[in-house]
Amino acid sequence: MNYLDKFTNHLEFLGYEIENKKSEDGTMEYANATHNTLDSLMIFPDEANKIVYLRSLTSFDKKITSAMYEYLDEVNGQYSVLRSYIDEGNSTLCRETHFTGDYDKKVFNKFFELVRNDWQIFHMQKDFEEIWIK
């Protein structure tokens, strides 16, 4: 089992649907992971350095405002493992993190629990709907 498969199998157990992909030039494997109730993820492995990168991307149609940046400053200060930023060129909210080391079921489970807690932090701020939805 390769490095990526260990993590995607764990996510499948948590209810994610996994779609394995290759970069356009065929040099890099990655996976898309979708879930009915949790954020979708892109998973990029770096087996040589024992790092797996997790990224969630959300496109939005709203004009980018200073309130969005202030919101991200606030949540980034509260997160345990995530970092959020705006890709202005694509009007996309990016939330990402990385896990280092060999796959270990208990350790990755705890790490992913922190990821889910950080997602809740993002969605639970008092101005969330006003800034990101309306």
N, C-alpha and C. Protein backbone atom coordinates (compact mmCIF):
# COMPACT_ATOMS: atom_id res chain seq x y z
N MET A 1 0.86 -1.18 0.00
CA MET A 1 0.00 0.00 0.00
C MET A 1 0.90 1.24 0.00
N ASN A 2 0.62 2.17 -0.90
CA ASN A 2 1.47 3.36 -0.96
C ASN A 2 1.08 4.38 0.12
N TYR A 3 1.89 5.40 0.23
CA TYR A 3 1.73 6.42 1.28
C TYR A 3 0.36 7.08 1.21
N LEU A 4 -0.07 7.48 0.01
CA LEU A 4 -1.37 8.14 -0.15
C LEU A 4 -2.52 7.23 0.27
N ASP A 5 -2.46 5.97 -0.13
CA ASP A 5 -3.55 5.03 0.17
C ASP A 5 -3.82 4.88 1.66
N LYS A 6 -2.79 4.96 2.48
CA LYS A 6 -2.98 4.82 3.92
C LYS A 6 -3.90 5.92 4.45
N PHE A 7 -3.72 7.13 3.94
CA PHE A 7 -4.54 8.26 4.40
C PHE A 7 -5.93 8.23 3.77
N THR A 8 -6.02 7.90 2.48
CA THR A 8 -7.34 7.87 1.84
C THR A 8 -8.19 6.73 2.39
N ASN A 9 -7.58 5.61 2.76
CA ASN A 9 -8.34 4.52 3.39
C ASN A 9 -8.94 4.99 4.71
N HIS A 10 -8.20 5.77 5.46
CA HIS A 10 -8.69 6.30 6.73
C HIS A 10 -9.89 7.22 6.46
N LEU A 11 -9.75 8.08 5.46
CA LEU A 11 -10.85 9.00 5.13
C LEU A 11 -12.07 8.26 4.61
N GLU A 12 -11.86 7.18 3.87
CA GLU A 12 -12.99 6.35 3.42
C GLU A 12 -13.74 5.78 4.62
N PHE A 13 -13.00 5.34 5.62
CA PHE A 13 -13.61 4.82 6.84
C PHE A 13 -14.48 5.88 7.51
N LEU A 14 -14.09 7.16 7.37
CA LEU A 14 -14.84 8.27 7.96
C LEU A 14 -16.00 8.73 7.06
N GLY A 15 -16.22 8.03 5.95
CA GLY A 15 -17.36 8.33 5.09
C GLY A 15 -17.04 9.14 3.85
N TYR A 16 -15.78 9.38 3.59
CA TYR A 16 -15.39 10.11 2.38
C TYR A 16 -15.40 9.18 1.18
N GLU A 17 -15.77 9.74 0.03
CA GLU A 17 -15.63 9.06 -1.24
C GLU A 17 -14.33 9.54 -1.85
N ILE A 18 -13.48 8.61 -2.27
CA ILE A 18 -12.14 8.95 -2.75
C ILE A 18 -12.06 8.76 -4.26
N GLU A 19 -11.48 9.75 -4.92
CA GLU A 19 -11.20 9.65 -6.35
C GLU A 19 -9.70 9.91 -6.54
N ASN A 20 -8.96 8.88 -6.93
CA ASN A 20 -7.52 9.03 -7.15
C ASN A 20 -7.28 9.73 -8.48
N LYS A 21 -6.30 10.63 -8.49
CA LYS A 21 -5.99 11.45 -9.66
C LYS A 21 -4.49 11.46 -9.91
N LYS A 22 -4.11 11.96 -11.09
CA LYS A 22 -2.72 12.24 -11.42
C LYS A 22 -2.65 13.64 -11.98
N SER A 23 -1.52 14.30 -11.73
CA SER A 23 -1.32 15.63 -12.30
C SER A 23 -1.33 15.53 -13.82
N GLU A 24 -1.54 16.66 -14.48
CA GLU A 24 -1.62 16.67 -15.95
C GLU A 24 -0.39 16.06 -16.60
N ASP A 25 0.78 16.28 -16.00
CA ASP A 25 2.00 15.73 -16.59
C ASP A 25 2.29 14.30 -16.11
N GLY A 26 1.41 13.77 -15.24
CA GLY A 26 1.52 12.40 -14.80
C GLY A 26 2.57 12.13 -13.74
N THR A 27 3.18 13.17 -13.22
CA THR A 27 4.28 12.97 -12.27
C THR A 27 3.84 12.91 -10.81
N MET A 28 2.61 13.33 -10.52
CA MET A 28 2.18 13.38 -9.13
C MET A 28 0.80 12.76 -8.96
N GLU A 29 0.68 11.87 -7.99
CA GLU A 29 -0.61 11.32 -7.61
C GLU A 29 -1.20 12.16 -6.50
N TYR A 30 -2.51 12.32 -6.53
CA TYR A 30 -3.23 12.98 -5.45
C TYR A 30 -4.63 12.41 -5.43
N ALA A 31 -5.45 12.85 -4.48
CA ALA A 31 -6.81 12.33 -4.39
C ALA A 31 -7.77 13.46 -4.04
N ASN A 32 -8.97 13.33 -4.56
CA ASN A 32 -10.09 14.18 -4.14
C ASN A 32 -10.93 13.35 -3.19
N ALA A 33 -11.33 13.95 -2.09
CA ALA A 33 -12.15 13.26 -1.10
C ALA A 33 -13.40 14.09 -0.85
N THR A 34 -14.57 13.51 -1.11
CA THR A 34 -15.83 14.23 -0.91
C THR A 34 -16.66 13.52 0.15
N HIS A 35 -17.46 14.31 0.84
CA HIS A 35 -18.27 13.80 1.95
C HIS A 35 -19.62 14.51 1.91
N ASN A 36 -20.66 13.84 2.37
CA ASN A 36 -22.01 14.44 2.37
C ASN A 36 -22.14 15.61 3.32
N THR A 37 -21.45 15.56 4.46
CA THR A 37 -21.65 16.61 5.47
C THR A 37 -20.38 17.35 5.85
N LEU A 38 -19.21 16.82 5.51
CA LEU A 38 -17.95 17.48 5.85
C LEU A 38 -17.36 18.13 4.61
N ASP A 39 -16.41 19.02 4.81
CA ASP A 39 -15.76 19.69 3.69
C ASP A 39 -15.03 18.69 2.81
N SER A 40 -15.05 18.95 1.51
CA SER A 40 -14.29 18.15 0.57
C SER A 40 -12.82 18.51 0.67
N LEU A 41 -11.97 17.56 0.31
CA LEU A 41 -10.52 17.75 0.43
C LEU A 41 -9.80 17.32 -0.83
N MET A 42 -8.67 17.94 -1.05
CA MET A 42 -7.68 17.44 -2.00
C MET A 42 -6.50 17.00 -1.14
N ILE A 43 -5.97 15.82 -1.43
CA ILE A 43 -4.88 15.25 -0.63
C ILE A 43 -3.66 15.06 -1.54
N PHE A 44 -2.57 15.71 -1.17
CA PHE A 44 -1.33 15.64 -1.94
C PHE A 44 -0.24 15.01 -1.08
N PRO A 45 0.26 13.83 -1.47
CA PRO A 45 1.31 13.19 -0.68
C PRO A 45 2.71 13.62 -1.13
N ASP A 46 3.61 13.68 -0.19
CA ASP A 46 5.04 13.85 -0.46
C ASP A 46 5.72 12.73 0.31
N GLU A 47 5.72 11.55 -0.30
CA GLU A 47 6.21 10.36 0.40
C GLU A 47 7.67 10.47 0.77
N ALA A 48 8.47 11.09 -0.08
CA ALA A 48 9.91 11.20 0.19
C ALA A 48 10.17 11.95 1.49
N ASN A 49 9.37 12.96 1.77
CA ASN A 49 9.54 13.77 2.98
C ASN A 49 8.53 13.42 4.08
N LYS A 50 7.72 12.39 3.83
CA LYS A 50 6.71 11.94 4.81
C LYS A 50 5.78 13.07 5.24
N ILE A 51 5.20 13.73 4.22
CA ILE A 51 4.23 14.80 4.46
C ILE A 51 3.02 14.55 3.58
N VAL A 52 1.83 14.75 4.12
CA VAL A 52 0.62 14.73 3.30
C VAL A 52 -0.07 16.09 3.50
N TYR A 53 -0.38 16.74 2.39
CA TYR A 53 -1.03 18.05 2.42
C TYR A 53 -2.52 17.87 2.20
N LEU A 54 -3.33 18.55 3.01
CA LEU A 54 -4.77 18.53 2.88
C LEU A 54 -5.24 19.94 2.53
N ARG A 55 -6.06 20.06 1.50
CA ARG A 55 -6.52 21.38 1.07
C ARG A 55 -8.01 21.33 0.75
N SER A 56 -8.74 22.32 1.23
CA SER A 56 -10.15 22.49 0.93
C SER A 56 -10.30 23.82 0.20
N LEU A 57 -10.95 23.80 -0.96
CA LEU A 57 -11.14 25.00 -1.76
C LEU A 57 -12.63 25.28 -1.93
N THR A 58 -13.03 26.53 -1.73
CA THR A 58 -14.42 26.93 -1.90
C THR A 58 -14.46 28.21 -2.73
N SER A 59 -15.05 28.12 -3.91
CA SER A 59 -15.21 29.31 -4.75
C SER A 59 -16.38 30.13 -4.25
N PHE A 60 -16.28 31.44 -4.43
CA PHE A 60 -17.38 32.30 -4.04
C PHE A 60 -17.54 33.42 -5.06
N ASP A 61 -18.78 33.94 -5.15
CA ASP A 61 -19.11 34.96 -6.15
C ASP A 61 -19.11 36.37 -5.58
N LYS A 62 -18.91 36.51 -4.29
CA LYS A 62 -18.97 37.82 -3.67
C LYS A 62 -17.70 38.63 -3.95
N LYS A 63 -17.85 39.94 -3.87
CA LYS A 63 -16.70 40.82 -3.96
C LYS A 63 -15.84 40.62 -2.71
N ILE A 64 -14.53 40.54 -2.89
CA ILE A 64 -13.63 40.37 -1.76
C ILE A 64 -13.58 41.68 -0.97
N THR A 65 -13.78 41.58 0.35
CA THR A 65 -13.86 42.77 1.20
C THR A 65 -12.83 42.70 2.32
N SER A 66 -12.60 43.84 2.95
CA SER A 66 -11.69 43.86 4.10
C SER A 66 -12.25 43.03 5.25
N ALA A 67 -13.59 42.94 5.36
CA ALA A 67 -14.20 42.12 6.41
C ALA A 67 -13.81 40.65 6.26
N MET A 68 -13.65 40.18 5.03
CA MET A 68 -13.22 38.79 4.80
C MET A 68 -11.82 38.57 5.34
N TYR A 69 -10.94 39.53 5.07
CA TYR A 69 -9.56 39.40 5.57
C TYR A 69 -9.51 39.48 7.09
N GLU A 70 -10.32 40.35 7.67
CA GLU A 70 -10.38 40.44 9.13
C GLU A 70 -10.91 39.13 9.73
N TYR A 71 -11.92 38.57 9.07
CA TYR A 71 -12.48 37.30 9.51
C TYR A 71 -11.40 36.21 9.49
N LEU A 72 -10.63 36.16 8.40
CA LEU A 72 -9.58 35.15 8.28
C LEU A 72 -8.49 35.37 9.32
N ASP A 73 -8.15 36.62 9.60
CA ASP A 73 -7.16 36.89 10.66
C ASP A 73 -7.65 36.33 11.99
N GLU A 74 -8.94 36.54 12.26
CA GLU A 74 -9.52 36.06 13.53
C GLU A 74 -9.48 34.53 13.61
N VAL A 75 -9.96 33.85 12.58
CA VAL A 75 -10.02 32.39 12.66
C VAL A 75 -8.62 31.77 12.61
N ASN A 76 -7.73 32.34 11.81
CA ASN A 76 -6.36 31.80 11.76
C ASN A 76 -5.71 31.84 13.14
N GLY A 77 -6.05 32.83 13.95
CA GLY A 77 -5.52 32.93 15.30
C GLY A 77 -6.12 31.91 16.26
N GLN A 78 -7.26 31.35 15.91
CA GLN A 78 -7.94 30.36 16.77
C GLN A 78 -7.69 28.92 16.35
N TYR A 79 -7.29 28.70 15.11
CA TYR A 79 -7.09 27.34 14.61
C TYR A 79 -5.98 26.60 15.35
N SER A 80 -6.13 25.28 15.36
CA SER A 80 -5.08 24.40 15.88
C SER A 80 -4.12 23.98 14.78
N VAL A 81 -4.67 23.62 13.59
CA VAL A 81 -3.82 23.07 12.53
C VAL A 81 -4.05 23.67 11.15
N LEU A 82 -5.14 24.36 10.94
CA LEU A 82 -5.45 24.91 9.61
C LEU A 82 -4.86 26.30 9.41
N ARG A 83 -4.84 26.69 8.15
CA ARG A 83 -4.57 28.07 7.78
C ARG A 83 -5.53 28.38 6.65
N SER A 84 -6.16 29.56 6.70
CA SER A 84 -7.11 29.99 5.68
C SER A 84 -6.61 31.25 5.00
N TYR A 85 -6.86 31.33 3.71
CA TYR A 85 -6.51 32.53 2.96
C TYR A 85 -7.38 32.60 1.71
N ILE A 86 -7.36 33.74 1.06
CA ILE A 86 -8.13 33.94 -0.17
C ILE A 86 -7.17 33.94 -1.35
N ASP A 87 -7.49 33.14 -2.35
CA ASP A 87 -6.80 33.20 -3.64
C ASP A 87 -7.59 34.22 -4.47
N GLU A 88 -7.10 35.45 -4.50
CA GLU A 88 -7.84 36.54 -5.14
C GLU A 88 -8.05 36.31 -6.62
N GLY A 89 -7.07 35.73 -7.30
CA GLY A 89 -7.18 35.51 -8.73
C GLY A 89 -8.33 34.60 -9.12
N ASN A 90 -8.68 33.69 -8.24
CA ASN A 90 -9.75 32.73 -8.52
C ASN A 90 -10.98 32.91 -7.63
N SER A 91 -11.01 33.97 -6.81
CA SER A 91 -12.10 34.16 -5.85
C SER A 91 -12.40 32.86 -5.11
N THR A 92 -11.36 32.32 -4.50
CA THR A 92 -11.46 31.03 -3.83
C THR A 92 -10.95 31.15 -2.40
N LEU A 93 -11.73 30.60 -1.47
CA LEU A 93 -11.31 30.46 -0.09
C LEU A 93 -10.52 29.17 0.02
N CYS A 94 -9.30 29.26 0.50
CA CYS A 94 -8.43 28.08 0.65
C CYS A 94 -8.22 27.83 2.14
N ARG A 95 -8.40 26.58 2.52
CA ARG A 95 -8.09 26.16 3.89
C ARG A 95 -7.20 24.94 3.76
N GLU A 96 -6.03 24.99 4.41
CA GLU A 96 -5.09 23.90 4.22
C GLU A 96 -4.29 23.62 5.47
N THR A 97 -3.70 22.43 5.46
CA THR A 97 -2.84 22.00 6.55
C THR A 97 -1.96 20.87 6.02
N HIS A 98 -1.08 20.38 6.85
CA HIS A 98 -0.27 19.23 6.47
C HIS A 98 -0.02 18.35 7.68
N PHE A 99 0.11 17.07 7.40
CA PHE A 99 0.41 16.06 8.40
C PHE A 99 1.79 15.52 8.08
N THR A 100 2.66 15.46 9.07
CA THR A 100 4.01 14.96 8.83
C THR A 100 4.22 13.62 9.52
N GLY A 101 5.00 12.79 8.88
CA GLY A 101 5.36 11.50 9.46
C GLY A 101 4.66 10.35 8.77
N ASP A 102 5.02 9.15 9.22
CA ASP A 102 4.37 7.95 8.72
C ASP A 102 2.93 7.91 9.20
N TYR A 103 2.09 7.23 8.44
CA TYR A 103 0.69 7.07 8.85
C TYR A 103 0.62 6.24 10.12
N ASP A 104 -0.13 6.72 11.07
CA ASP A 104 -0.45 6.00 12.30
C ASP A 104 -1.93 6.27 12.56
N LYS A 105 -2.71 5.23 12.68
CA LYS A 105 -4.17 5.37 12.79
C LYS A 105 -4.58 6.31 13.92
N LYS A 106 -4.06 6.10 15.10
CA LYS A 106 -4.46 6.91 16.26
C LYS A 106 -4.01 8.36 16.11
N VAL A 107 -2.79 8.55 15.63
CA VAL A 107 -2.26 9.91 15.49
C VAL A 107 -3.00 10.67 14.40
N PHE A 108 -3.23 10.02 13.24
CA PHE A 108 -3.94 10.71 12.16
C PHE A 108 -5.38 10.97 12.55
N ASN A 109 -6.00 10.07 13.29
CA ASN A 109 -7.37 10.28 13.74
C ASN A 109 -7.46 11.52 14.63
N LYS A 110 -6.53 11.67 15.55
CA LYS A 110 -6.49 12.85 16.42
C LYS A 110 -6.24 14.11 15.60
N PHE A 111 -5.31 14.03 14.66
CA PHE A 111 -5.02 15.16 13.78
C PHE A 111 -6.27 15.57 13.00
N PHE A 112 -6.97 14.59 12.42
CA PHE A 112 -8.15 14.92 11.62
C PHE A 112 -9.28 15.46 12.49
N GLU A 113 -9.33 15.06 13.75
CA GLU A 113 -10.29 15.64 14.69
C GLU A 113 -9.99 17.14 14.87
N LEU A 114 -8.73 17.51 14.94
CA LEU A 114 -8.35 18.92 15.02
C LEU A 114 -8.74 19.68 13.76
N VAL A 115 -8.59 19.04 12.60
CA VAL A 115 -9.01 19.66 11.33
C VAL A 115 -10.51 19.95 11.38
N ARG A 116 -11.30 18.97 11.79
CA ARG A 116 -12.76 19.16 11.86
C ARG A 116 -13.13 20.24 12.87
N ASN A 117 -12.42 20.30 14.00
CA ASN A 117 -12.67 21.36 14.97
C ASN A 117 -12.36 22.73 14.37
N ASP A 118 -11.29 22.83 13.60
CA ASP A 118 -10.95 24.09 12.95
C ASP A 118 -12.01 24.48 11.93
N TRP A 119 -12.56 23.51 11.20
CA TRP A 119 -13.65 23.82 10.26
C TRP A 119 -14.83 24.41 11.02
N GLN A 120 -15.12 23.86 12.19
CA GLN A 120 -16.22 24.39 13.00
C GLN A 120 -15.93 25.83 13.43
N ILE A 121 -14.70 26.09 13.82
CA ILE A 121 -14.32 27.46 14.20
C ILE A 121 -14.63 28.40 13.05
N PHE A 122 -14.28 28.01 11.84
CA PHE A 122 -14.53 28.87 10.68
C PHE A 122 -16.01 29.17 10.53
N HIS A 123 -16.87 28.16 10.67
CA HIS A 123 -18.30 28.32 10.42
C HIS A 123 -19.07 28.89 11.61
N MET A 124 -18.47 28.94 12.78
CA MET A 124 -19.21 29.34 13.98
C MET A 124 -18.99 30.79 14.41
N GLN A 125 -18.18 31.54 13.71
CA GLN A 125 -17.96 32.94 14.08
C GLN A 125 -19.25 33.72 13.88
N LYS A 126 -19.46 34.76 14.68
CA LYS A 126 -20.74 35.46 14.68
C LYS A 126 -21.10 36.10 13.34
N ASP A 127 -20.13 36.53 12.56
CA ASP A 127 -20.43 37.21 11.29
C ASP A 127 -20.30 36.30 10.08
N PHE A 128 -20.23 35.00 10.28
CA PHE A 128 -19.99 34.08 9.17
C PHE A 128 -20.96 34.28 8.01
N GLU A 129 -22.26 34.20 8.28
CA GLU A 129 -23.24 34.28 7.20
C GLU A 129 -23.21 35.64 6.50
N GLU A 130 -23.09 36.69 7.28
CA GLU A 130 -23.08 38.04 6.70
C GLU A 130 -21.88 38.24 5.78
N ILE A 131 -20.74 37.73 6.18
CA ILE A 131 -19.51 37.96 5.41
C ILE A 131 -19.37 37.01 4.23
N TRP A 132 -19.71 35.73 4.42
CA TRP A 132 -19.42 34.73 3.40
C TRP A 132 -20.63 34.26 2.60
N ILE A 133 -21.86 34.40 3.14
CA ILE A 133 -23.03 33.83 2.48
C ILE A 133 -23.91 34.88 1.82
N LYS A 134 -24.33 35.88 2.55
CA LYS A 134 -25.30 36.86 2.04
C LYS A 134 -24.71 37.77 1.00
